[in-house]
């Protein structure tokens, strides 16, 4: 029974206080300014919202600056209530768990549910912070690669790799960097055939950009009491990457356990005020989705003109085959004023990921492409 699986979940304390030293290179996000502030660089390497932050969020920050001397939020109760009120599905505040970004969510989940000797499963190419945090928690990581043709999930192969040591399966949908999604049918096969001790961490931070009718949403399985944790972020569509705010949602048993790991005053007051205001800014989200959808179609057409192979994306970025060595390509792009991301760090060798931005930024990317290809 689905409900029994969640109730039988063993809530392990894990290695909470191990230093979090990630086995990754420092993040190369870059800047939109040159060394002297005079050169404009279009940063299409980090999947940020090039329309900027939610205006309502900016206003909320300004209106609360005078309160910085106070401890306004002992915990995230008010924030979780706001999440419950704005969520697309009717669930209560007890279903939510918040943190300083999706990275901190992953860190706390791995600390809370992993012990040395455990195993985790992921599917490359994907966001490799999953691997880093799992290894910090003492777990080994098994890679079941995505289908090379369309980057779909190999569900049967994942199930075949599960054993008594498996504790977490990481799924990203839309997946970074491929833009591919997991369908409801694929997710159903997975959850219905997993042992009770296996937790699915379902990262859907790019969900705003998906309009596919068969897109699997984490909440559909959480409401059936499967051990699934959904991850959302304010860094993407809301345009609030700089405040580092994210949230998870799952069954009350799982989120209640995770909240025991939180520090008091864990999220700063301005971040929570900005997040609560952004949740109400439906107009900004709508503008963002319309821009990304329209500009993505335009970029597809332009890439086709150069004969460059790409994968259709359900997110605000596009993965394409680099016309020559990726490091040199990215360097040539940057030299001319556009930042893009090489695919090697994700396990997508020979590929480039470009963020879908405004027409001005996208046109700059295409104009440089004309020069260097």
Foldseek 3Di string as FASTA:
>chain_A
DLQVLLVPADWAQFQLPQDQDFPDDPDDQDDQADPVRPAGFARFAPQFAQVAAQPLLVVLLVVCPVVQVDLPAQDCQVLLQLCCVLDPDNDHSLQKDKAQAPLVVLLLVLRGFAAAPAEEEEEPLADCSNVRSNVSSNYHYDYDYADVPAREDPLVVVLVPDDPRYAEYEAEACGPPAQHAYFPVSVVVNQVRDHSRHAYEYEDQQVLLADDPRGDDQVVSQVSNGRYKYKYGCRHLNNPVPQRIIMIGHHSVVSVSSVVSAHTSRHPPSSSSSSSSSSVSVVSSVVSNVQQVVLLVVLVVLCVVVVWAWHDHSGQKTKTADPDAQVVVQVLSVVQRYHWAASVVSVDGRIIMTGRHGPVNSVSSSVSVVVPD
